[in-house]
Amino acid sequence: MSGGGMESMTRPTPPDMGGGDRVMNSQHGGDRCGYDFHMPLHYPRYTRAEYEVMPEWKLDCLLTQYGLPINGDVNQKRKFAMGAFLWTY
């Protein structure tokens, strides 16, 4: 410490841990679907009807956001998502 003041003791985040400049994933139009796992702050609020018509790419993104497996066909993914996120399945 110099001058008796407090100095910051934080270190920059390494690029492999979320820091630095990164290129957005353009496969899904620039969104970060499946780019790095960060637990979302909010629980998904889709209805059963919305899950039943949700396209496969959106199911993949939703499951990936929560660190869940995306194995199987679209019907298996829908069933898994409804079981994981709906209170009254």
Protein backbone atom coordinates (compact mmCIF):
# COMPACT_ATOMS: atom_id res chain seq x y z
CA MET A 1 0.00 0.00 0.00
CA SER A 2 1.25 3.44 -0.76
CA GLY A 3 0.21 6.67 0.89
CA GLY A 4 -1.77 4.97 3.66
CA GLY A 5 -4.88 4.47 1.49
CA MET A 6 -6.59 1.23 0.62
CA GLU A 7 -5.72 -0.42 -2.66
CA SER A 8 -7.84 -2.87 -4.56
CA MET A 9 -6.75 -6.45 -4.15
CA THR A 10 -8.89 -7.84 -6.99
CA ARG A 11 -7.30 -9.56 -9.94
CA PRO A 12 -8.60 -9.49 -13.50
CA THR A 13 -10.58 -12.58 -14.46
CA PRO A 14 -8.60 -14.83 -16.82
CA PRO A 15 -10.09 -15.24 -20.32
CA ASP A 16 -10.83 -18.94 -19.73
CA MET A 17 -12.91 -18.05 -16.65
CA GLY A 18 -15.24 -15.52 -18.26
CA GLY A 19 -13.01 -12.47 -18.59
CA GLY A 20 -11.47 -10.86 -21.62
CA ASP A 21 -13.00 -10.12 -25.00
CA ARG A 22 -14.92 -12.99 -26.54
CA VAL A 23 -16.80 -13.37 -29.77
CA MET A 24 -20.52 -14.00 -29.42
CA ASN A 25 -21.90 -17.32 -30.64
CA SER A 26 -23.46 -16.44 -33.99
CA GLN A 27 -25.00 -19.88 -34.57
CA HIS A 28 -28.17 -18.73 -32.77
CA GLY A 29 -28.28 -15.17 -33.99
CA GLY A 30 -25.72 -13.79 -31.52
CA ASP A 31 -27.31 -14.98 -28.30
CA ARG A 32 -25.30 -16.89 -25.71
CA CYS A 33 -27.23 -20.16 -25.85
CA GLY A 34 -24.96 -22.81 -24.42
CA TYR A 35 -21.87 -20.60 -24.49
CA ASP A 36 -20.81 -20.83 -20.84
CA PHE A 37 -22.78 -22.30 -17.97
CA HIS A 38 -24.08 -19.69 -15.53
CA MET A 39 -27.07 -20.65 -13.41
CA PRO A 40 -29.94 -18.35 -14.42
CA LEU A 41 -31.42 -16.15 -11.73
CA HIS A 42 -35.03 -16.86 -12.62
CA TYR A 43 -37.07 -20.01 -13.02
CA PRO A 44 -38.56 -20.41 -16.53
CA ARG A 45 -42.23 -19.37 -16.66
CA TYR A 46 -43.50 -21.26 -19.68
CA THR A 47 -46.90 -22.93 -19.63
CA ARG A 48 -47.55 -26.53 -20.61
CA ALA A 49 -49.05 -25.29 -23.89
CA GLU A 50 -45.89 -23.29 -24.65
CA TYR A 51 -43.66 -26.31 -24.01
CA GLU A 52 -45.84 -28.43 -26.33
CA VAL A 53 -45.21 -26.13 -29.32
CA MET A 54 -41.68 -24.96 -28.41
CA PRO A 55 -39.20 -25.55 -31.25
CA GLU A 56 -36.34 -27.96 -30.61
CA TRP A 57 -33.63 -25.26 -30.76
CA LYS A 58 -35.39 -23.31 -28.01
CA LEU A 59 -35.71 -26.43 -25.84
CA ASP A 60 -31.99 -27.07 -26.38
CA CYS A 61 -31.16 -23.52 -25.28
CA LEU A 62 -33.41 -23.72 -22.22
CA LEU A 63 -32.01 -27.06 -21.05
CA THR A 64 -28.44 -25.93 -21.71
CA GLN A 65 -28.98 -22.73 -19.70
CA TYR A 66 -29.82 -24.84 -16.65
CA GLY A 67 -27.02 -27.35 -17.24
CA LEU A 68 -29.45 -30.14 -18.10
CA PRO A 69 -28.89 -32.86 -20.73
CA ILE A 70 -30.21 -32.32 -24.25
CA ASN A 71 -30.29 -35.97 -25.32
CA GLY A 72 -33.13 -37.58 -27.23
CA ASP A 73 -35.63 -36.42 -29.80
CA VAL A 74 -37.77 -33.30 -29.53
CA ASN A 75 -40.62 -35.12 -27.75
CA GLN A 76 -38.26 -36.51 -25.11
CA LYS A 77 -36.79 -33.03 -24.58
CA ARG A 78 -40.28 -31.53 -24.18
CA LYS A 79 -41.26 -34.19 -21.67
CA PHE A 80 -38.01 -33.69 -19.74
CA ALA A 81 -38.39 -29.87 -19.72
CA MET A 82 -42.00 -30.08 -18.54
CA GLY A 83 -41.02 -32.52 -15.81
CA ALA A 84 -38.15 -30.29 -14.70
CA PHE A 85 -39.84 -26.89 -14.84
CA LEU A 86 -43.60 -27.32 -14.41
CA TRP A 87 -44.91 -27.64 -10.88
CA THR A 88 -48.01 -29.58 -11.88
CA TYR A 89 -46.89 -31.85 -14.69
